[in-house]
Amino acid sequence: MLASVALRPFNHILLHESWASKRLQLHARKTVRFSISPFLDINLTVQDNGELLSAISDVTIDTNITIIFDLLPRMLVHDEEAYSKIKISGDKAFAEELLFISKNLHWDVEEELSRIIGDIFAHRVVQASKDIKQWHNKAILNLSEALAEYWTEEKPLLTKSTHIHEFISEVNKLREDVEQLEKRVEKISRLES
C-alpha cells in the first residue's frame, strides 16, 4: 500500500517526462527491489507504458538497489557522492537506467501548483518554501556554531584544535627531554661502574 501511494506522484512525473518513460519501456516487465535500509523493501515492475507498479509477490527480482536511509535527502538534491554509495546487484544496466532517471527527473512544482492555484500564488508559494529552506539551513548553521563556541569557551566539553596541537607539541618535547635524561642516566651509570 505504501508503495502505491509513493508511486502515484512518481508515475505522474513520468507521464510529463516522456523521455523517462520511453527509457523505462525498454525494460518493460523487469522488476526491481528497492531496499531503503533499514526501513523498507519495495518491489516494483516496469509496465509496458513505462510506469512503475507494485510487483506481485512471487515475481523474479531482476535487480536490487539498496539505499541507506541517510542518503535519501542527499539524493533529493542530486548529490553525486550519495549516488555512488548505492549498492546494486543483479541486472546492472537496468539499475543504472533507474538511477539515471532518478538523477535527471525533475518535478516542476511551480507549474503543477499554478494549474491549481494560479501562476502568481504558485510562484510565491515556491519562493516562500525556498526562503524557508534557506532560513532553516542558516539557523542550523548558526545553532551549531553557537553550540561549538559554548562547548569550547563557556562549558569546555570540546577542545580547540590549537590547544590540541599545543598539547601534542608539549608531549613530544617532554618525550625528547625524557629520552635525553635516560641517555644521561645511562652514561653516568656506566661511568660509575
Protein backbone atom coordinates (compact mmCIF):
# COMPACT_ATOMS: atom_id res chain seq x y z
CA MET A 1 0.00 0.00 0.00
CA LEU A 2 2.82 2.39 0.89
CA ALA A 3 4.46 1.67 -2.45
CA SER A 4 1.32 2.55 -4.41
CA VAL A 5 0.97 5.85 -2.51
CA ALA A 6 4.62 6.72 -3.21
CA LEU A 7 4.34 5.63 -6.85
CA ARG A 8 1.40 7.86 -7.74
CA PRO A 9 3.40 11.12 -7.81
CA PHE A 10 6.40 9.39 -9.39
CA ASN A 11 4.27 7.99 -12.23
CA HIS A 12 2.61 11.41 -12.60
CA ILE A 13 6.05 12.94 -13.20
CA LEU A 14 6.91 10.12 -15.64
CA LEU A 15 3.82 10.97 -17.70
CA HIS A 16 5.08 14.55 -18.11
CA GLU A 17 8.66 13.48 -18.83
CA SER A 18 8.18 11.27 -21.88
CA TRP A 19 11.93 10.69 -22.29
CA ALA A 20 11.99 8.88 -18.94
CA SER A 21 9.00 6.64 -19.62
CA LYS A 22 10.45 5.76 -23.05
CA ARG A 23 13.70 4.71 -21.41
CA LEU A 24 11.80 2.60 -18.89
CA GLN A 25 9.73 0.96 -21.65
CA LEU A 26 12.96 -0.68 -22.84
CA HIS A 27 12.92 -2.57 -19.51
CA ALA A 28 9.22 -3.48 -19.54
CA ARG A 29 8.24 -6.40 -17.28
CA LYS A 30 11.51 -6.21 -15.30
CA THR A 31 11.30 -5.96 -11.53
CA VAL A 32 13.49 -4.03 -9.14
CA ARG A 33 13.70 -4.35 -5.38
CA PHE A 34 14.38 -1.02 -3.70
CA SER A 35 15.69 -1.59 -0.20
CA ILE A 36 15.77 1.54 1.87
CA SER A 37 17.77 0.25 4.78
CA PRO A 38 16.65 -0.41 7.46
CA PHE A 39 13.02 0.59 6.95
CA LEU A 40 11.55 -0.54 3.69
CA ASP A 41 11.69 -3.05 0.83
CA ILE A 42 9.63 -2.24 -2.25
CA ASN A 43 9.37 -4.46 -5.33
CA LEU A 44 8.39 -2.56 -8.50
CA THR A 45 7.72 -3.81 -12.00
CA VAL A 46 8.08 -1.67 -15.11
CA GLN A 47 4.87 -1.69 -17.16
CA ASP A 48 4.70 -1.63 -20.96
CA ASN A 49 3.86 2.12 -20.90
CA GLY A 50 6.96 2.88 -18.76
CA GLU A 51 5.15 3.35 -15.45
CA LEU A 52 6.14 1.53 -12.28
CA LEU A 53 3.68 -0.58 -10.30
CA SER A 54 3.99 -2.71 -7.18
CA ALA A 55 5.20 -6.16 -8.16
CA ILE A 56 3.25 -9.32 -7.50
CA SER A 57 4.58 -11.33 -4.57
CA ASP A 58 6.16 -14.28 -6.41
CA VAL A 59 7.86 -12.33 -9.21
CA THR A 60 11.57 -12.80 -10.00
CA ILE A 61 13.68 -9.81 -8.98
CA ASP A 62 15.91 -8.65 -11.84
CA THR A 63 17.93 -6.13 -9.86
CA ASN A 64 18.38 -4.98 -6.27
CA ILE A 65 19.08 -1.37 -5.35
CA THR A 66 19.97 -0.82 -1.71
CA ILE A 67 19.95 2.70 -0.36
CA ILE A 68 20.92 3.67 3.18
CA PHE A 69 18.17 5.87 4.62
CA ASP A 70 20.63 8.71 5.36
CA LEU A 71 21.33 9.07 1.63
CA LEU A 72 17.73 9.93 0.67
CA PRO A 73 17.89 13.68 1.43
CA ARG A 74 21.20 13.93 -0.42
CA MET A 75 19.73 12.11 -3.40
CA LEU A 76 16.77 14.51 -3.47
CA VAL A 77 19.22 17.36 -4.07
CA HIS A 78 21.08 15.23 -6.65
CA ASP A 79 24.30 14.82 -4.64
CA GLU A 80 26.54 12.70 -6.90
CA GLU A 81 28.51 11.32 -3.96
CA ALA A 82 25.30 9.95 -2.45
CA TYR A 83 24.50 8.08 -5.67
CA SER A 84 27.96 6.50 -5.64
CA LYS A 85 27.18 4.89 -2.24
CA ILE A 86 24.14 2.98 -3.54
CA LYS A 87 24.59 -0.80 -3.69
CA ILE A 88 23.47 -2.58 -6.86
CA SER A 89 23.19 -6.30 -7.58
CA GLY A 90 21.63 -8.20 -10.45
CA ASP A 91 20.91 -6.53 -13.81
CA LYS A 92 23.31 -3.57 -13.55
CA ALA A 93 22.16 -1.97 -16.83
CA PHE A 94 18.55 -1.88 -15.56
CA ALA A 95 19.64 -0.49 -12.17
CA GLU A 96 21.85 2.16 -13.76
CA GLU A 97 18.96 3.20 -16.02
CA LEU A 98 16.71 3.63 -12.97
CA LEU A 99 19.36 5.67 -11.19
CA PHE A 100 19.97 7.80 -14.30
CA ILE A 101 16.27 8.58 -14.49
CA SER A 102 16.06 9.41 -10.79
CA LYS A 103 19.04 11.79 -11.14
CA ASN A 104 17.61 13.58 -14.16
CA LEU A 105 13.89 13.57 -13.43
CA HIS A 106 12.82 16.97 -12.18
CA TRP A 107 9.39 17.87 -10.95
CA ASP A 108 8.34 21.42 -11.74
CA VAL A 109 6.36 22.04 -8.58
CA GLU A 110 5.57 25.63 -9.53
CA GLU A 111 3.98 24.56 -12.83
CA GLU A 112 1.89 21.87 -11.13
CA LEU A 113 0.71 24.30 -8.43
CA SER A 114 -0.10 27.00 -10.99
CA ARG A 115 -2.73 24.73 -12.54
CA ILE A 116 -4.48 24.55 -9.16
CA ILE A 117 -3.90 27.94 -7.52
CA GLY A 118 -2.74 30.22 -10.34
CA ASP A 119 0.67 31.41 -11.57
CA ILE A 120 1.35 34.24 -9.14
CA PHE A 121 0.31 32.40 -6.00
CA ALA A 122 2.20 29.26 -7.10
CA HIS A 123 5.35 31.33 -7.68
CA ARG A 124 5.02 32.91 -4.23
CA VAL A 125 4.46 29.53 -2.53
CA VAL A 126 7.54 28.03 -4.20
CA GLN A 127 9.63 31.13 -3.41
CA ALA A 128 8.45 31.05 0.22
CA SER A 129 9.43 27.38 0.52
CA LYS A 130 12.90 28.19 -0.87
CA ASP A 131 13.23 31.07 1.60
CA ILE A 132 12.16 28.82 4.48
CA LYS A 133 14.71 26.21 3.42
CA GLN A 134 17.48 28.84 3.31
CA TRP A 135 16.42 30.21 6.69
CA HIS A 136 16.34 26.67 8.10
CA ASN A 137 19.85 25.90 6.81
CA LYS A 138 21.19 29.19 8.16
CA ALA A 139 19.51 28.63 11.54
CA ILE A 140 21.06 25.15 11.83
CA LEU A 141 24.50 26.54 10.91
CA ASN A 142 24.17 29.37 13.45
CA LEU A 143 22.99 26.99 16.16
CA SER A 144 25.83 24.54 15.54
CA GLU A 145 28.39 27.38 15.63
CA ALA A 146 26.87 28.74 18.85
CA LEU A 147 26.94 25.30 20.49
CA ALA A 148 30.53 24.72 19.40
CA GLU A 149 31.55 28.09 20.85
CA TYR A 150 29.64 27.39 24.07
CA TRP A 151 31.25 23.98 24.48
CA THR A 152 34.74 25.31 23.80
CA GLU A 153 34.55 28.63 25.70
CA GLU A 154 31.81 28.52 28.35
CA LYS A 155 31.50 24.84 29.27
CA PRO A 156 34.61 23.22 27.85
CA LEU A 157 33.42 19.87 26.55
CA LEU A 158 35.31 20.38 23.31
CA THR A 159 38.90 21.43 22.82
CA LYS A 160 40.10 23.94 20.28
CA SER A 161 42.42 22.50 17.68
CA THR A 162 45.14 24.99 18.65
CA HIS A 163 45.07 23.66 22.23
CA ILE A 164 45.32 20.08 20.94
CA HIS A 165 48.33 20.97 18.76
CA GLU A 166 49.98 22.76 21.70
CA PHE A 167 49.38 19.71 23.90
CA ILE A 168 50.84 17.35 21.30
CA SER A 169 53.86 19.63 20.91
CA GLU A 170 54.41 19.71 24.68
CA VAL A 171 54.09 15.91 24.91
CA ASN A 172 56.64 15.50 22.09
CA LYS A 173 59.05 17.90 23.83
CA LEU A 174 58.57 16.04 27.12
CA ARG A 175 59.28 12.73 25.34
CA GLU A 176 62.51 14.15 23.88
CA ASP A 177 63.55 15.50 27.29
CA VAL A 178 62.89 12.11 28.92
CA GLU A 179 64.95 10.35 26.21
CA GLN A 180 67.84 12.76 26.78
CA LEU A 181 67.57 12.27 30.56
CA GLU A 182 67.62 8.46 30.11
CA LYS A 183 70.78 8.75 27.98
CA ARG A 184 72.46 10.91 30.64
CA VAL A 185 71.47 8.49 33.42
CA GLU A 186 72.85 5.56 31.38
CA LYS A 187 76.08 7.46 30.68
CA ILE A 188 76.50 8.35 34.38
CA SER A 189 75.73 4.78 35.47
CA ARG A 190 78.34 3.44 33.00
CA LEU A 191 80.94 5.86 34.33
CA GLU A 192 80.26 4.82 37.90
CA SER A 193 80.51 1.11 37.13
